[in-house]
C-alpha cells in the first residue's frame, strides 16, 4: 500500500476505493449508520 503524500492524494484514493466498493455494500453501511444515529437520538446519547 502507498502512504498518502498530500491531501489531494488521500481524497483521490478514498474516491477510488468508494468507486470500487459494491453499491449494495455502501447502501448497507449508510442504512446501518442511520439506524445507529437514530437510536442514539432516541436514547438521548445514553448507552443502548
PDB file of N, CA and C in Angstrom:
ATOM      1  N   UNK A   1       0.825  -1.193   0.000  1.00  0.00           N
ATOM      2  CA  UNK A   1       0.000   0.000   0.000  1.00  0.00           C
ATOM      3  C   UNK A   1       0.861   1.244   0.000  1.00  0.00           C
ATOM      4  N   UNK A   2       0.346   2.238  -0.704  1.00  0.00           N
ATOM      5  CA  UNK A   2       1.029   3.521  -0.717  1.00  0.00           C
ATOM      6  C   UNK A   2       0.621   4.348   0.491  1.00  0.00           C
ATOM      7  N   UNK A   3       1.530   5.167   0.949  1.00  0.00           N
ATOM      8  CA  UNK A   3       1.223   6.121   2.010  1.00  0.00           C
ATOM      9  C   UNK A   3       0.794   7.417   1.326  1.00  0.00           C
ATOM     10  N   UNK A   4      -0.388   7.977   1.693  1.00  0.00           N
ATOM     11  CA  UNK A   4      -0.806   9.235   1.076  1.00  0.00           C
ATOM     12  C   UNK A   4       0.240  10.327   1.313  1.00  0.00           C
ATOM     13  N   UNK A   5       0.509  11.086   0.269  1.00  0.00           N
ATOM     14  CA  UNK A   5       1.539  12.118   0.377  1.00  0.00           C
ATOM     15  C   UNK A   5       0.954  13.511   0.521  1.00  0.00           C
ATOM     16  N   UNK A   6      -0.249  13.696   0.025  1.00  0.00           N
ATOM     17  CA  UNK A   6      -0.891  15.007   0.097  1.00  0.00           C
ATOM     18  C   UNK A   6      -2.371  14.817   0.385  1.00  0.00           C
ATOM     19  N   UNK A   7      -3.027  15.902   0.721  1.00  0.00           N
ATOM     20  CA  UNK A   7      -4.478  15.862   0.936  1.00  0.00           C
ATOM     21  C   UNK A   7      -5.176  15.409  -0.347  1.00  0.00           C
ATOM     22  N   UNK A   8      -4.752  15.956  -1.474  1.00  0.00           N
ATOM     23  CA  UNK A   8      -5.360  15.614  -2.755  1.00  0.00           C
ATOM     24  C   UNK A   8      -5.196  14.130  -3.072  1.00  0.00           C
ATOM     25  N   UNK A   9      -4.018  13.591  -2.754  1.00  0.00           N
ATOM     26  CA  UNK A   9      -3.765  12.176  -2.981  1.00  0.00           C
ATOM     27  C   UNK A   9      -4.687  11.316  -2.125  1.00  0.00           C
ATOM     28  N   UNK A  10      -4.872  11.719  -0.877  1.00  0.00           N
ATOM     29  CA  UNK A  10      -5.751  10.963   0.013  1.00  0.00           C
ATOM     30  C   UNK A  10      -7.194  11.010  -0.494  1.00  0.00           C
ATOM     31  N   UNK A  11      -7.658  12.191  -0.915  1.00  0.00           N
ATOM     32  CA  UNK A  11      -9.019  12.331  -1.443  1.00  0.00           C
ATOM     33  C   UNK A  11      -9.198  11.442  -2.668  1.00  0.00           C
ATOM     34  N   UNK A  12      -8.227  11.441  -3.559  1.00  0.00           N
ATOM     35  CA  UNK A  12      -8.295  10.615  -4.767  1.00  0.00           C
ATOM     36  C   UNK A  12      -8.361   9.128  -4.415  1.00  0.00           C
ATOM     37  N   UNK A  13      -7.564   8.705  -3.457  1.00  0.00           N
ATOM     38  CA  UNK A  13      -7.553   7.293  -3.070  1.00  0.00           C
ATOM     39  C   UNK A  13      -8.868   6.879  -2.417  1.00  0.00           C
ATOM     40  N   UNK A  14      -9.450   7.769  -1.609  1.00  0.00           N
ATOM     41  CA  UNK A  14     -10.748   7.471  -0.991  1.00  0.00           C
ATOM     42  C   UNK A  14     -11.816   7.359  -2.067  1.00  0.00           C
ATOM     43  N   UNK A  15     -11.812   8.287  -3.022  1.00  0.00           N
ATOM     44  CA  UNK A  15     -12.792   8.237  -4.118  1.00  0.00           C
ATOM     45  C   UNK A  15     -12.648   6.959  -4.930  1.00  0.00           C
ATOM     46  N   UNK A  16     -11.427   6.566  -5.215  1.00  0.00           N
ATOM     47  CA  UNK A  16     -11.193   5.332  -5.966  1.00  0.00           C
ATOM     48  C   UNK A  16     -11.692   4.117  -5.191  1.00  0.00           C
ATOM     49  N   UNK A  17     -11.438   4.092  -3.893  1.00  0.00           N
ATOM     50  CA  UNK A  17     -11.891   2.964  -3.071  1.00  0.00           C
ATOM     51  C   UNK A  17     -13.412   2.897  -3.050  1.00  0.00           C
ATOM     52  N   UNK A  18     -14.068   4.046  -2.946  1.00  0.00           N
ATOM     53  CA  UNK A  18     -15.539   4.071  -2.956  1.00  0.00           C
ATOM     54  C   UNK A  18     -16.077   3.599  -4.298  1.00  0.00           C
ATOM     55  N   UNK A  19     -15.423   3.997  -5.378  1.00  0.00           N
ATOM     56  CA  UNK A  19     -15.867   3.592  -6.711  1.00  0.00           C
ATOM     57  C   UNK A  19     -15.742   2.081  -6.905  1.00  0.00           C
ATOM     58  N   UNK A  20     -14.799   1.462  -6.221  1.00  0.00           N
ATOM     59  CA  UNK A  20     -14.583   0.019  -6.334  1.00  0.00           C
ATOM     60  C   UNK A  20     -15.466  -0.787  -5.383  1.00  0.00           C
ATOM     61  N   UNK A  21     -16.112  -0.114  -4.435  1.00  0.00           N
ATOM     62  CA  UNK A  21     -16.947  -0.791  -3.446  1.00  0.00           C
ATOM     63  C   UNK A  21     -18.334  -1.032  -4.032  1.00  0.00           C
ATOM     64  N   UNK A  22     -18.861  -2.256  -3.911  1.00  0.00           N
ATOM     65  CA  UNK A  22     -20.195  -2.548  -4.451  1.00  0.00           C
ATOM     66  C   UNK A  22     -21.259  -1.618  -3.862  1.00  0.00           C
ATOM     67  N   UNK A  23     -22.174  -1.182  -4.718  1.00  0.00           N
ATOM     68  CA  UNK A  23     -23.222  -0.249  -4.316  1.00  0.00           C
ATOM     69  C   UNK A  23     -24.037  -0.778  -3.149  1.00  0.00           C
ATOM     70  N   UNK A  24     -24.367  -2.070  -3.164  1.00  0.00           N
ATOM     71  CA  UNK A  24     -25.187  -2.621  -2.083  1.00  0.00           C
ATOM     72  C   UNK A  24     -24.458  -2.568  -0.745  1.00  0.00           C
ATOM     73  N   UNK A  25     -23.147  -2.682  -0.759  1.00  0.00           N
ATOM     74  CA  UNK A  25     -22.376  -2.596   0.477  1.00  0.00           C
ATOM     75  C   UNK A  25     -22.388  -1.162   1.012  1.00  0.00           C
ATOM     76  N   UNK A  26     -22.221  -0.183   0.124  1.00  0.00           N
ATOM     77  CA  UNK A  26     -22.271   1.215   0.550  1.00  0.00           C
ATOM     78  C   UNK A  26     -23.647   1.561   1.099  1.00  0.00           C
ATOM     79  N   UNK A  27     -24.701   1.097   0.437  1.00  0.00           N
ATOM     80  CA  UNK A  27     -26.065   1.354   0.892  1.00  0.00           C
ATOM     81  C   UNK A  27     -26.296   0.747   2.271  1.00  0.00           C
ATOM     82  N   UNK A  28     -25.814  -0.462   2.476  1.00  0.00           N
ATOM     83  CA  UNK A  28     -25.952  -1.126   3.769  1.00  0.00           C
ATOM     84  C   UNK A  28     -25.238  -0.333   4.868  1.00  0.00           C
ATOM     85  N   UNK A  29     -24.061   0.184   4.569  1.00  0.00           N
ATOM     86  CA  UNK A  29     -23.316   0.986   5.550  1.00  0.00           C
ATOM     87  C   UNK A  29     -24.079   2.249   5.917  1.00  0.00           C
ATOM     88  N   UNK A  30     -24.634   2.916   4.920  1.00  0.00           N
ATOM     89  CA  UNK A  30     -25.385   4.151   5.168  1.00  0.00           C
ATOM     90  C   UNK A  30     -26.616   3.860   6.016  1.00  0.00           C
ATOM     91  N   UNK A  31     -27.340   2.798   5.673  1.00  0.00           N
ATOM     92  CA  UNK A  31     -28.551   2.445   6.423  1.00  0.00           C
ATOM     93  C   UNK A  31     -28.215   2.080   7.861  1.00  0.00           C
ATOM     94  N   UNK A  32     -27.151   1.337   8.057  1.00  0.00           N
ATOM     95  CA  UNK A  32     -26.733   0.955   9.403  1.00  0.00           C
ATOM     96  C   UNK A  32     -26.354   2.191  10.217  1.00  0.00           C
ATOM     97  N   UNK A  33     -25.639   3.105   9.597  1.00  0.00           N
ATOM     98  CA  UNK A  33     -25.241   4.341  10.271  1.00  0.00           C
ATOM     99  C   UNK A  33     -26.473   5.146  10.673  1.00  0.00           C
ATOM    100  N   UNK A  34     -27.446   5.256   9.769  1.00  0.00           N
ATOM    101  CA  UNK A  34     -28.677   5.994  10.070  1.00  0.00           C
ATOM    102  C   UNK A  34     -29.420   5.367  11.248  1.00  0.00           C
ATOM    103  N   UNK A  35     -29.499   4.042  11.280  1.00  0.00           N
ATOM    104  CA  UNK A  35     -30.173   3.357  12.388  1.00  0.00           C
ATOM    105  C   UNK A  35     -29.481   3.666  13.714  1.00  0.00           C
ATOM    106  N   UNK A  36     -28.154   3.626  13.706  1.00  0.00           N
ATOM    107  CA  UNK A  36     -27.398   3.889  14.935  1.00  0.00           C
ATOM    108  C   UNK A  36     -27.567   5.331  15.401  1.00  0.00           C
ATOM    109  N   UNK A  37     -27.532   6.261  14.462  1.00  0.00           N
ATOM    110  CA  UNK A  37     -27.719   7.678  14.804  1.00  0.00           C
ATOM    111  C   UNK A  37     -29.110   7.900  15.387  1.00  0.00           C
ATOM    112  N   UNK A  38     -30.126   7.329  14.747  1.00  0.00           N
ATOM    113  CA  UNK A  38     -31.498   7.489  15.237  1.00  0.00           C
ATOM    114  C   UNK A  38     -31.668   6.878  16.622  1.00  0.00           C
ATOM    115  N   UNK A  39     -31.051   5.733  16.864  1.00  0.00           N
ATOM    116  CA  UNK A  39     -31.131   5.100  18.180  1.00  0.00           C
ATOM    117  C   UNK A  39     -30.433   5.968  19.228  1.00  0.00           C
ATOM    118  N   UNK A  40     -29.304   6.541  18.863  1.00  0.00           N
ATOM    119  CA  UNK A  40     -28.577   7.430  19.778  1.00  0.00           C
ATOM    120  C   UNK A  40     -29.439   8.641  20.141  1.00  0.00           C
ATOM    121  N   UNK A  41     -30.126   9.201  19.156  1.00  0.00           N
ATOM    122  CA  UNK A  41     -31.026  10.333  19.406  1.00  0.00           C
ATOM    123  C   UNK A  41     -32.167   9.897  20.313  1.00  0.00           C
ATOM    124  N   UNK A  42     -32.719   8.717  20.040  1.00  0.00           N
ATOM    125  CA  UNK A  42     -33.852   8.189  20.815  1.00  0.00           C
ATOM    126  C   UNK A  42     -33.518   8.046  22.293  1.00  0.00           C
ATOM    127  N   UNK A  43     -32.301   7.584  22.592  1.00  0.00           N
ATOM    128  CA  UNK A  43     -31.907   7.375  23.995  1.00  0.00           C
ATOM    129  C   UNK A  43     -31.132   8.578  24.544  1.00  0.00           C
ATOM    130  N   UNK A  44     -31.184   9.683  23.814  1.00  0.00           N
ATOM    131  CA  UNK A  44     -30.557  10.938  24.230  1.00  0.00           C
ATOM    132  C   UNK A  44     -29.075  10.779  24.554  1.00  0.00           C
ATOM    133  N   UNK A  45     -28.381  10.033  23.716  1.00  0.00           N
ATOM    134  CA  UNK A  45     -26.940   9.898  23.849  1.00  0.00           C
ATOM    135  C   UNK A  45     -26.464   8.878  24.866  1.00  0.00           C
ATOM    136  N   UNK A  46     -27.403   8.235  25.560  1.00  0.00           N
ATOM    137  CA  UNK A  46     -27.012   7.224  26.552  1.00  0.00           C
ATOM    138  C   UNK A  46     -26.687   5.916  25.839  1.00  0.00           C
ATOM    139  N   UNK A  47     -26.176   4.953  26.590  1.00  0.00           N
ATOM    140  CA  UNK A  47     -25.877   3.639  26.023  1.00  0.00           C
ATOM    141  C   UNK A  47     -27.149   2.949  25.570  1.00  0.00           C
ATOM    142  N   UNK A  48     -27.033   2.203  24.506  1.00  0.00           N
ATOM    143  CA  UNK A  48     -28.175   1.425  24.018  1.00  0.00           C
ATOM    144  C   UNK A  48     -27.734   0.055  23.589  1.00  0.00           C
TER     145      UNK A  48
END
